[in-house]
Structures are given as structure tokens and as C-alpha cells.
Amino acid sequence: ITHLTEFAIDGAVLTMEWAPDGRWLYVGGEDFAITVIATITWKVVHRLNRDRWVQFIASSQLGTHVAVGGLTSEVTILDTQNNWKPVMNIELKGLVPLSAKWHPEDQYLVLTGQNDSVIAVETTNARHVNGFY
């Protein structure tokens, strides 16, 4: 095993996620930011500041979007092909999500958190799937 590099992040790192193609590594935590690292150069190429901790990052299967959340009852979807700009906020009516996973075809996002349930959201229009909320 070869030590490649090391990154200083302000505060504890709470989550990391690879882009499906391995091109990016997303890092989030108590620094109130999502840090995007290019794995070809191992350099920070983008930093998206947030107003709260980042507790989870979930890259879509196609790598076109990233779901992020932490400490509030919403999830933000970022467009990786448009400089990681937010394209959708999904309100979760009380659930503070701790984890998210994308459907294999990126049509749905499932979330779980601190209220003993799993919520499925249709990502094309941010609708809660019937029976799951």
C-alpha cells in the first residue's frame, strides 16, 4: 500500500463518497462544506459551502447528481455537470436523514434517519412515493 496524499479538513469528517467513475471523491463533515477532490491529481477542485454539517453524500449511479444532507429535514440534489449547483431541495417533513442511496436507474432516492423509517423519493419531481411516507 502506497500513501498517496492527505487532506486537511476543518472539523471531523462525517462522510465520503466516490463518484461512480472514480473521477471525484466527495468529502463532508463538520466543516460545513462539501469538498470535491479530483482523483487524477488528488487536488481539491471545488468546495461548496453549506449552512450546516454534511452528514451524508450519495452519488447517483450515473454520477450526474449528488444528494447531500445533514442536521435538517431536507436533502439537496447537486448537478455534478453544472459545477455542483443545487437543482432540487426535497423537504422530508421531520425526518433528519443520516443516509441515502440511489436506485440503479437514478429514478428514486431512499433515505433513512432518526425516525425509524425509510423514505423513497422520486427524484424526477421530488414526490414522495405513495406508502413510503
Protein backbone atom coordinates (compact mmCIF):
# COMPACT_ATOMS: atom_id res chain seq x y z
CA ILE A 1 0.00 0.00 0.00
CA THR A 2 1.34 3.38 -1.04
CA HIS A 3 0.43 6.57 0.83
CA LEU A 4 -0.66 8.99 -1.94
CA THR A 5 -1.75 12.14 -0.22
CA GLU A 6 -3.53 13.63 2.76
CA PHE A 7 -6.14 16.37 3.07
CA ALA A 8 -6.80 18.71 5.95
CA ILE A 9 -10.50 19.24 6.60
CA ASP A 10 -11.66 21.70 9.27
CA GLY A 11 -13.57 19.63 11.83
CA ALA A 12 -14.50 15.96 11.82
CA VAL A 13 -15.13 14.19 8.52
CA LEU A 14 -18.59 12.58 8.72
CA THR A 15 -18.94 11.16 5.20
CA MET A 16 -17.09 10.34 1.99
CA GLU A 17 -18.33 9.10 -1.37
CA TRP A 18 -16.69 8.13 -4.64
CA ALA A 19 -18.17 9.22 -7.95
CA PRO A 20 -19.18 6.03 -9.83
CA ASP A 21 -16.41 6.54 -12.39
CA GLY A 22 -13.81 7.23 -9.67
CA ARG A 23 -13.08 10.68 -11.06
CA TRP A 24 -14.13 12.54 -7.89
CA LEU A 25 -14.04 11.93 -4.17
CA TYR A 26 -16.65 13.88 -2.18
CA VAL A 27 -15.92 14.68 1.47
CA GLY A 28 -18.23 16.32 4.01
CA GLY A 29 -18.45 16.88 7.72
CA GLU A 30 -18.32 19.43 10.50
CA ASP A 31 -16.58 21.98 8.28
CA PHE A 32 -19.97 22.99 6.77
CA ALA A 33 -18.80 22.13 3.25
CA ILE A 34 -18.67 19.53 0.54
CA THR A 35 -15.12 19.20 -0.72
CA VAL A 36 -14.62 17.77 -4.22
CA ILE A 37 -11.26 16.13 -4.86
CA ALA A 38 -10.08 15.19 -8.37
CA THR A 39 -8.59 11.72 -8.07
CA ILE A 40 -6.33 12.14 -11.11
CA THR A 41 -4.33 14.90 -9.38
CA TRP A 42 -5.52 14.40 -5.78
CA LYS A 43 -6.23 18.14 -5.58
CA VAL A 44 -9.27 19.93 -4.21
CA VAL A 45 -11.11 21.28 -7.26
CA HIS A 46 -14.29 22.57 -5.70
CA ARG A 47 -15.69 23.43 -2.30
CA LEU A 48 -19.40 24.01 -1.78
CA ASN A 49 -20.14 25.80 1.49
CA ARG A 50 -23.29 24.83 3.40
CA ASP A 51 -25.05 26.36 6.39
CA ARG A 52 -24.84 23.11 8.38
CA TRP A 53 -22.80 19.93 8.82
CA VAL A 54 -22.76 17.45 5.95
CA GLN A 55 -23.78 14.07 7.40
CA PHE A 56 -24.15 12.17 4.14
CA ILE A 57 -23.23 12.38 0.48
CA ALA A 58 -24.71 9.96 -2.06
CA SER A 59 -23.57 9.96 -5.67
CA SER A 60 -26.15 8.91 -8.26
CA GLN A 61 -25.43 5.74 -10.23
CA LEU A 62 -24.72 7.72 -13.41
CA GLY A 63 -22.63 10.25 -11.47
CA THR A 64 -24.69 13.20 -12.75
CA HIS A 65 -26.08 14.17 -9.35
CA VAL A 66 -25.12 14.07 -5.70
CA ALA A 67 -27.57 14.04 -2.79
CA VAL A 68 -26.37 15.76 0.39
CA GLY A 69 -27.91 16.36 3.78
CA GLY A 70 -27.33 16.95 7.42
CA LEU A 71 -28.96 18.30 10.57
CA THR A 72 -32.20 19.44 8.90
CA SER A 73 -35.25 17.77 7.43
CA GLU A 74 -34.23 18.22 3.79
CA VAL A 75 -31.96 16.82 1.12
CA THR A 76 -30.27 18.87 -1.60
CA ILE A 77 -29.56 17.41 -5.04
CA LEU A 78 -26.47 18.85 -6.74
CA ASP A 79 -25.77 18.75 -10.50
CA THR A 80 -22.21 17.47 -11.00
CA GLN A 81 -22.24 18.56 -14.64
CA ASN A 82 -23.06 22.17 -13.74
CA ASN A 83 -20.35 22.98 -11.18
CA TRP A 84 -22.22 21.09 -8.42
CA LYS A 85 -25.02 23.67 -8.31
CA PRO A 86 -28.17 22.79 -6.33
CA VAL A 87 -31.01 21.74 -8.63
CA MET A 88 -33.56 20.46 -6.11
CA ASN A 89 -34.34 20.62 -2.39
CA ILE A 90 -36.51 17.82 -1.01
CA GLU A 91 -38.43 18.53 2.20
CA LEU A 92 -38.78 15.44 4.42
CA LYS A 93 -41.45 16.55 6.91
CA GLY A 94 -39.49 15.89 10.08
CA LEU A 95 -37.05 13.13 9.09
CA VAL A 96 -33.44 14.17 9.63
CA PRO A 97 -31.69 11.91 7.12
CA LEU A 98 -28.47 10.17 8.04
CA SER A 99 -28.07 8.03 4.92
CA ALA A 100 -29.23 7.96 1.29
CA LYS A 101 -28.94 5.53 -1.63
CA TRP A 102 -29.89 5.97 -5.29
CA HIS A 103 -31.93 3.50 -7.34
CA PRO A 104 -29.83 1.71 -10.04
CA GLU A 105 -31.50 3.89 -12.71
CA ASP A 106 -31.40 7.09 -10.59
CA GLN A 107 -35.21 7.43 -10.61
CA TYR A 108 -35.54 7.15 -6.83
CA LEU A 109 -33.59 8.14 -3.76
CA VAL A 110 -34.18 6.28 -0.49
CA LEU A 111 -33.39 7.91 2.83
CA THR A 112 -33.26 6.81 6.41
CA GLY A 113 -32.64 8.68 9.60
CA GLN A 114 -33.65 9.18 13.17
CA ASN A 115 -37.37 8.35 12.98
CA ASP A 116 -37.34 4.57 12.38
CA SER A 117 -38.44 4.70 8.74
CA VAL A 118 -37.21 4.56 5.17
CA ILE A 119 -38.48 7.20 2.75
CA ALA A 120 -38.45 6.81 -1.03
CA VAL A 121 -38.48 9.97 -3.14
CA GLU A 122 -38.99 10.13 -6.89
CA THR A 123 -36.07 12.31 -7.96
CA THR A 124 -37.56 13.47 -11.25
CA ASN A 125 -40.07 15.64 -9.40
CA ALA A 126 -39.27 15.35 -5.65
CA ARG A 127 -42.54 13.47 -4.97
CA HIS A 128 -42.74 11.14 -2.00
CA VAL A 129 -43.59 7.64 -3.22
CA ASN A 130 -47.05 6.51 -2.02
CA GLY A 131 -46.90 4.26 1.00
CA PHE A 132 -43.38 5.27 1.93
CA TYR A 133 -44.13 8.49 3.77
